[in-house]
């Protein structure tokens, strides 16, 4: 039996019964990984760690995209 977990991405609640990591989240929601900062449970993690951090129940993820301009 798969365990369902709830997580929050930019304040919006999502539910999954799959094993997913931070890189999966980035790809699923079609973010450009070179133009963002990712905060996971109040800590900012470098891109090198995204494959090794797996989503758990009640985790909070904030993604801030970098926009250029003048």
PDB file of N, CA and C in Angstrom:
ATOM      1  N   UNK A   1       0.844  -1.191   0.000  1.00  0.00           N
ATOM      2  CA  UNK A   1       0.000   0.000   0.000  1.00  0.00           C
ATOM      3  C   UNK A   1       0.881   1.244   0.000  1.00  0.00           C
ATOM      4  N   UNK A   2       0.598   2.167  -0.920  1.00  0.00           N
ATOM      5  CA  UNK A   2       1.375   3.387  -1.029  1.00  0.00           C
ATOM      6  C   UNK A   2       0.895   4.404  -0.009  1.00  0.00           C
ATOM      7  N   UNK A   3       1.845   5.132   0.541  1.00  0.00           N
ATOM      8  CA  UNK A   3       1.501   6.167   1.504  1.00  0.00           C
ATOM      9  C   UNK A   3       1.342   7.496   0.769  1.00  0.00           C
ATOM     10  N   UNK A   4       0.213   8.127   0.932  1.00  0.00           N
ATOM     11  CA  UNK A   4      -0.049   9.418   0.326  1.00  0.00           C
ATOM     12  C   UNK A   4       0.592  10.500   1.170  1.00  0.00           C
ATOM     13  N   UNK A   5       1.216  11.459   0.511  1.00  0.00           N
ATOM     14  CA  UNK A   5       1.804  12.585   1.232  1.00  0.00           C
ATOM     15  C   UNK A   5       1.323  13.900   0.625  1.00  0.00           C
ATOM     16  N   UNK A   6       1.122  14.843   1.509  1.00  0.00           N
ATOM     17  CA  UNK A   6       0.743  16.197   1.096  1.00  0.00           C
ATOM     18  C   UNK A   6       1.994  17.059   1.183  1.00  0.00           C
ATOM     19  N   UNK A   7       2.174  17.923   0.199  1.00  0.00           N
ATOM     20  CA  UNK A   7       3.253  18.892   0.287  1.00  0.00           C
ATOM     21  C   UNK A   7       2.744  20.215  -0.268  1.00  0.00           C
ATOM     22  N   UNK A   8       3.447  21.266   0.049  1.00  0.00           N
ATOM     23  CA  UNK A   8       3.022  22.597  -0.344  1.00  0.00           C
ATOM     24  C   UNK A   8       4.085  23.206  -1.247  1.00  0.00           C
ATOM     25  N   UNK A   9       3.661  23.675  -2.403  1.00  0.00           N
ATOM     26  CA  UNK A   9       4.548  24.336  -3.356  1.00  0.00           C
ATOM     27  C   UNK A   9       4.043  25.746  -3.547  1.00  0.00           C
ATOM     28  N   UNK A  10       4.855  26.705  -3.143  1.00  0.00           N
ATOM     29  CA  UNK A  10       4.485  28.127  -3.203  1.00  0.00           C
ATOM     30  C   UNK A  10       3.107  28.369  -2.580  1.00  0.00           C
ATOM     31  N   UNK A  11       2.869  27.698  -1.458  1.00  0.00           N
ATOM     32  CA  UNK A  11       1.634  27.885  -0.704  1.00  0.00           C
ATOM     33  C   UNK A  11       0.455  27.052  -1.167  1.00  0.00           C
ATOM     34  N   UNK A  12       0.565  26.388  -2.292  1.00  0.00           N
ATOM     35  CA  UNK A  12      -0.539  25.568  -2.802  1.00  0.00           C
ATOM     36  C   UNK A  12      -0.302  24.111  -2.434  1.00  0.00           C
ATOM     37  N   UNK A  13      -1.346  23.449  -1.968  1.00  0.00           N
ATOM     38  CA  UNK A  13      -1.241  22.063  -1.524  1.00  0.00           C
ATOM     39  C   UNK A  13      -1.340  21.091  -2.698  1.00  0.00           C
ATOM     40  N   UNK A  14      -0.458  20.083  -2.680  1.00  0.00           N
ATOM     41  CA  UNK A  14      -0.470  19.009  -3.659  1.00  0.00           C
ATOM     42  C   UNK A  14      -0.417  17.680  -2.916  1.00  0.00           C
ATOM     43  N   UNK A  15      -0.901  16.626  -3.559  1.00  0.00           N
ATOM     44  CA  UNK A  15      -0.912  15.294  -2.968  1.00  0.00           C
ATOM     45  C   UNK A  15      -0.254  14.328  -3.944  1.00  0.00           C
ATOM     46  N   UNK A  16       0.581  13.430  -3.410  1.00  0.00           N
ATOM     47  CA  UNK A  16       1.236  12.442  -4.260  1.00  0.00           C
ATOM     48  C   UNK A  16       1.396  11.139  -3.489  1.00  0.00           C
ATOM     49  N   UNK A  17       1.345  10.030  -4.214  1.00  0.00           N
ATOM     50  CA  UNK A  17       1.644   8.738  -3.602  1.00  0.00           C
ATOM     51  C   UNK A  17       2.918   8.150  -4.213  1.00  0.00           C
ATOM     52  N   UNK A  18       3.647   8.989  -4.977  1.00  0.00           N
ATOM     53  CA  UNK A  18       4.887   8.556  -5.616  1.00  0.00           C
ATOM     54  C   UNK A  18       6.090   9.027  -4.809  1.00  0.00           C
ATOM     55  N   UNK A  19       7.216   8.397  -5.042  1.00  0.00           N
ATOM     56  CA  UNK A  19       8.473   8.848  -4.458  1.00  0.00           C
ATOM     57  C   UNK A  19       9.030   9.903  -5.412  1.00  0.00           C
ATOM     58  N   UNK A  20       9.115  11.133  -4.935  1.00  0.00           N
ATOM     59  CA  UNK A  20       9.578  12.225  -5.792  1.00  0.00           C
ATOM     60  C   UNK A  20      10.655  13.027  -5.076  1.00  0.00           C
ATOM     61  N   UNK A  21      11.567  13.567  -5.856  1.00  0.00           N
ATOM     62  CA  UNK A  21      12.598  14.421  -5.289  1.00  0.00           C
ATOM     63  C   UNK A  21      12.414  15.844  -5.814  1.00  0.00           C
ATOM     64  N   UNK A  22      13.264  16.739  -5.364  1.00  0.00           N
ATOM     65  CA  UNK A  22      13.111  18.137  -5.764  1.00  0.00           C
ATOM     66  C   UNK A  22      13.284  18.326  -7.270  1.00  0.00           C
ATOM     67  N   UNK A  23      14.194  17.600  -7.891  1.00  0.00           N
ATOM     68  CA  UNK A  23      14.380  17.733  -9.336  1.00  0.00           C
ATOM     69  C   UNK A  23      13.116  17.286 -10.077  1.00  0.00           C
ATOM     70  N   UNK A  24      12.444  16.228  -9.597  1.00  0.00           N
ATOM     71  CA  UNK A  24      11.181  15.796 -10.208  1.00  0.00           C
ATOM     72  C   UNK A  24      10.148  16.921 -10.178  1.00  0.00           C
ATOM     73  N   UNK A  25      10.082  17.635  -9.063  1.00  0.00           N
ATOM     74  CA  UNK A  25       9.136  18.757  -8.917  1.00  0.00           C
ATOM     75  C   UNK A  25       9.439  19.835  -9.961  1.00  0.00           C
ATOM     76  N   UNK A  26      10.719  20.186 -10.097  1.00  0.00           N
ATOM     77  CA  UNK A  26      11.129  21.210 -11.053  1.00  0.00           C
ATOM     78  C   UNK A  26      10.716  20.818 -12.474  1.00  0.00           C
ATOM     79  N   UNK A  27      10.968  19.576 -12.849  1.00  0.00           N
ATOM     80  CA  UNK A  27      10.614  19.119 -14.200  1.00  0.00           C
ATOM     81  C   UNK A  27       9.101  19.012 -14.390  1.00  0.00           C
ATOM     82  N   UNK A  28       8.408  18.487 -13.412  1.00  0.00           N
ATOM     83  CA  UNK A  28       6.962  18.301 -13.536  1.00  0.00           C
ATOM     84  C   UNK A  28       6.241  19.634 -13.757  1.00  0.00           C
ATOM     85  N   UNK A  29       6.665  20.664 -13.002  1.00  0.00           N
ATOM     86  CA  UNK A  29       6.007  21.960 -13.111  1.00  0.00           C
ATOM     87  C   UNK A  29       6.663  22.860 -14.166  1.00  0.00           C
ATOM     88  N   UNK A  30       7.590  22.278 -14.936  1.00  0.00           N
ATOM     89  CA  UNK A  30       8.194  22.946 -16.088  1.00  0.00           C
ATOM     90  C   UNK A  30       8.921  24.244 -15.738  1.00  0.00           C
ATOM     91  N   UNK A  31       9.657  24.231 -14.626  1.00  0.00           N
ATOM     92  CA  UNK A  31      10.489  25.373 -14.267  1.00  0.00           C
ATOM     93  C   UNK A  31      11.824  25.274 -14.988  1.00  0.00           C
ATOM     94  N   UNK A  32      12.402  26.414 -15.307  1.00  0.00           N
ATOM     95  CA  UNK A  32      13.744  26.472 -15.866  1.00  0.00           C
ATOM     96  C   UNK A  32      14.715  26.469 -14.680  1.00  0.00           C
ATOM     97  N   UNK A  33      15.399  25.367 -14.460  1.00  0.00           N
ATOM     98  CA  UNK A  33      16.227  25.212 -13.260  1.00  0.00           C
ATOM     99  C   UNK A  33      17.401  26.180 -13.207  1.00  0.00           C
ATOM    100  N   UNK A  34      17.778  26.772 -14.320  1.00  0.00           N
ATOM    101  CA  UNK A  34      18.895  27.712 -14.291  1.00  0.00           C
ATOM    102  C   UNK A  34      18.463  29.102 -13.831  1.00  0.00           C
ATOM    103  N   UNK A  35      17.150  29.323 -13.722  1.00  0.00           N
ATOM    104  CA  UNK A  35      16.651  30.651 -13.361  1.00  0.00           C
ATOM    105  C   UNK A  35      15.799  30.648 -12.100  1.00  0.00           C
ATOM    106  N   UNK A  36      16.181  29.848 -11.112  1.00  0.00           N
ATOM    107  CA  UNK A  36      15.360  29.819  -9.904  1.00  0.00           C
ATOM    108  C   UNK A  36      16.192  29.567  -8.658  1.00  0.00           C
ATOM    109  N   UNK A  37      15.564  29.904  -7.541  1.00  0.00           N
ATOM    110  CA  UNK A  37      16.093  29.584  -6.219  1.00  0.00           C
ATOM    111  C   UNK A  37      15.039  28.713  -5.560  1.00  0.00           C
ATOM    112  N   UNK A  38      15.474  27.624  -4.946  1.00  0.00           N
ATOM    113  CA  UNK A  38      14.541  26.675  -4.350  1.00  0.00           C
ATOM    114  C   UNK A  38      14.769  26.597  -2.842  1.00  0.00           C
ATOM    115  N   UNK A  39      13.696  26.840  -2.098  1.00  0.00           N
ATOM    116  CA  UNK A  39      13.729  26.725  -0.640  1.00  0.00           C
ATOM    117  C   UNK A  39      12.900  25.511  -0.242  1.00  0.00           C
ATOM    118  N   UNK A  40      13.507  24.636   0.535  1.00  0.00           N
ATOM    119  CA  UNK A  40      12.836  23.410   0.972  1.00  0.00           C
ATOM    120  C   UNK A  40      12.843  23.378   2.487  1.00  0.00           C
ATOM    121  N   UNK A  41      11.654  23.448   3.082  1.00  0.00           N
ATOM    122  CA  UNK A  41      11.514  23.476   4.545  1.00  0.00           C
ATOM    123  C   UNK A  41      12.428  24.517   5.178  1.00  0.00           C
ATOM    124  N   UNK A  42      12.404  25.717   4.613  1.00  0.00           N
ATOM    125  CA  UNK A  42      13.094  26.902   5.135  1.00  0.00           C
ATOM    126  C   UNK A  42      14.603  26.909   4.917  1.00  0.00           C
ATOM    127  N   UNK A  43      15.123  26.019   4.082  1.00  0.00           N
ATOM    128  CA  UNK A  43      16.541  26.017   3.748  1.00  0.00           C
ATOM    129  C   UNK A  43      16.697  26.070   2.235  1.00  0.00           C
ATOM    130  N   UNK A  44      17.671  26.815   1.775  1.00  0.00           N
ATOM    131  CA  UNK A  44      17.962  26.886   0.346  1.00  0.00           C
ATOM    132  C   UNK A  44      19.006  25.835   0.022  1.00  0.00           C
ATOM    133  N   UNK A  45      18.696  25.008  -0.981  1.00  0.00           N
ATOM    134  CA  UNK A  45      19.597  23.921  -1.364  1.00  0.00           C
ATOM    135  C   UNK A  45      20.135  24.154  -2.769  1.00  0.00           C
ATOM    136  N   UNK A  46      21.425  23.886  -2.981  1.00  0.00           N
ATOM    137  CA  UNK A  46      21.981  24.013  -4.332  1.00  0.00           C
ATOM    138  C   UNK A  46      21.455  22.913  -5.243  1.00  0.00           C
ATOM    139  N   UNK A  47      21.526  23.160  -6.524  1.00  0.00           N
ATOM    140  CA  UNK A  47      21.006  22.226  -7.526  1.00  0.00           C
ATOM    141  C   UNK A  47      21.643  20.845  -7.422  1.00  0.00           C
ATOM    142  N   UNK A  48      22.886  20.783  -6.983  1.00  0.00           N
ATOM    143  CA  UNK A  48      23.570  19.490  -6.873  1.00  0.00           C
ATOM    144  C   UNK A  48      22.875  18.545  -5.886  1.00  0.00           C
ATOM    145  N   UNK A  49      22.096  19.086  -4.968  1.00  0.00           N
ATOM    146  CA  UNK A  49      21.425  18.276  -3.936  1.00  0.00           C
ATOM    147  C   UNK A  49      20.003  17.864  -4.310  1.00  0.00           C
ATOM    148  N   UNK A  50      19.441  18.427  -5.351  1.00  0.00           N
ATOM    149  CA  UNK A  50      18.027  18.223  -5.654  1.00  0.00           C
ATOM    150  C   UNK A  50      17.666  16.773  -5.925  1.00  0.00           C
ATOM    151  N   UNK A  51      18.569  16.000  -6.473  1.00  0.00           N
ATOM    152  CA  UNK A  51      18.279  14.583  -6.752  1.00  0.00           C
ATOM    153  C   UNK A  51      18.215  13.748  -5.475  1.00  0.00           C
ATOM    154  N   UNK A  52      18.824  14.224  -4.415  1.00  0.00           N
ATOM    155  CA  UNK A  52      18.945  13.456  -3.168  1.00  0.00           C
ATOM    156  C   UNK A  52      17.968  13.877  -2.077  1.00  0.00           C
ATOM    157  N   UNK A  53      17.129  14.853  -2.370  1.00  0.00           N
ATOM    158  CA  UNK A  53      16.161  15.327  -1.375  1.00  0.00           C
ATOM    159  C   UNK A  53      14.775  14.888  -1.814  1.00  0.00           C
ATOM    160  N   UNK A  54      14.177  13.996  -1.039  1.00  0.00           N
ATOM    161  CA  UNK A  54      12.884  13.419  -1.382  1.00  0.00           C
ATOM    162  C   UNK A  54      11.767  14.065  -0.568  1.00  0.00           C
ATOM    163  N   UNK A  55      10.631  14.247  -1.221  1.00  0.00           N
ATOM    164  CA  UNK A  55       9.478  14.917  -0.619  1.00  0.00           C
ATOM    165  C   UNK A  55       8.820  14.009   0.406  1.00  0.00           C
ATOM    166  N   UNK A  56       8.544  14.601   1.574  1.00  0.00           N
ATOM    167  CA  UNK A  56       7.846  13.916   2.660  1.00  0.00           C
ATOM    168  C   UNK A  56       6.540  14.636   2.955  1.00  0.00           C
ATOM    169  N   UNK A  57       5.714  14.009   3.771  1.00  0.00           N
ATOM    170  CA  UNK A  57       4.432  14.590   4.145  1.00  0.00           C
ATOM    171  C   UNK A  57       4.637  15.939   4.834  1.00  0.00           C
ATOM    172  N   UNK A  58       3.850  16.934   4.432  1.00  0.00           N
ATOM    173  CA  UNK A  58       3.803  18.279   4.994  1.00  0.00           C
ATOM    174  C   UNK A  58       5.037  19.130   4.694  1.00  0.00           C
ATOM    175  N   UNK A  59       5.843  18.731   3.721  1.00  0.00           N
ATOM    176  CA  UNK A  59       6.986  19.544   3.334  1.00  0.00           C
ATOM    177  C   UNK A  59       6.523  20.827   2.671  1.00  0.00           C
ATOM    178  N   UNK A  60       7.364  21.846   2.799  1.00  0.00           N
ATOM    179  CA  UNK A  60       7.072  23.143   2.191  1.00  0.00           C
ATOM    180  C   UNK A  60       8.197  23.501   1.230  1.00  0.00           C
ATOM    181  N   UNK A  61       7.801  23.776  -0.014  1.00  0.00           N
ATOM    182  CA  UNK A  61       8.748  24.122  -1.062  1.00  0.00           C
ATOM    183  C   UNK A  61       8.357  25.492  -1.602  1.00  0.00           C
ATOM    184  N   UNK A  62       9.325  26.375  -1.673  1.00  0.00           N
ATOM    185  CA  UNK A  62       9.106  27.681  -2.283  1.00  0.00           C
ATOM    186  C   UNK A  62      10.072  27.805  -3.439  1.00  0.00           C
ATOM    187  N   UNK A  63       9.560  28.179  -4.596  1.00  0.00           N
ATOM    188  CA  UNK A  63      10.387  28.370  -5.780  1.00  0.00           C
ATOM    189  C   UNK A  63      10.243  29.827  -6.220  1.00  0.00           C
ATOM    190  N   UNK A  64      11.383  30.482  -6.318  1.00  0.00           N
ATOM    191  CA  UNK A  64      11.400  31.878  -6.758  1.00  0.00           C
ATOM    192  C   UNK A  64      12.163  31.910  -8.073  1.00  0.00           C
ATOM    193  N   UNK A  65      11.510  32.410  -9.106  1.00  0.00           N
ATOM    194  CA  UNK A  65      12.178  32.504 -10.399  1.00  0.00           C
ATOM    195  C   UNK A  65      12.857  33.866 -10.527  1.00  0.00           C
ATOM    196  N   UNK A  66      13.983  33.866 -11.210  1.00  0.00           N
ATOM    197  CA  UNK A  66      14.770  35.077 -11.415  1.00  0.00           C
ATOM    198  C   UNK A  66      14.370  35.663 -12.764  1.00  0.00           C
ATOM    199  N   UNK A  67      14.008  36.934 -12.746  1.00  0.00           N
ATOM    200  CA  UNK A  67      13.566  37.612 -13.961  1.00  0.00           C
ATOM    201  C   UNK A  67      14.505  38.777 -14.214  1.00  0.00           C
ATOM    202  N   UNK A  68      15.021  38.850 -15.427  1.00  0.00           N
ATOM    203  CA  UNK A  68      15.879  39.967 -15.791  1.00  0.00           C
ATOM    204  C   UNK A  68      15.053  41.159 -16.237  1.00  0.00           C
ATOM    205  N   UNK A  69      15.651  42.277 -16.183  1.00  0.00           N
ATOM    206  CA  UNK A  69      14.947  43.484 -16.616  1.00  0.00           C
ATOM    207  C   UNK A  69      15.833  44.694 -16.387  1.00  0.00           C
ATOM    208  N   UNK A  70      15.290  45.824 -16.703  1.00  0.00           N
ATOM    209  CA  UNK A  70      16.112  47.009 -16.550  1.00  0.00           C
ATOM    210  C   UNK A  70      15.317  48.185 -16.118  1.00  0.00           C
TER     211      UNK A  70
END
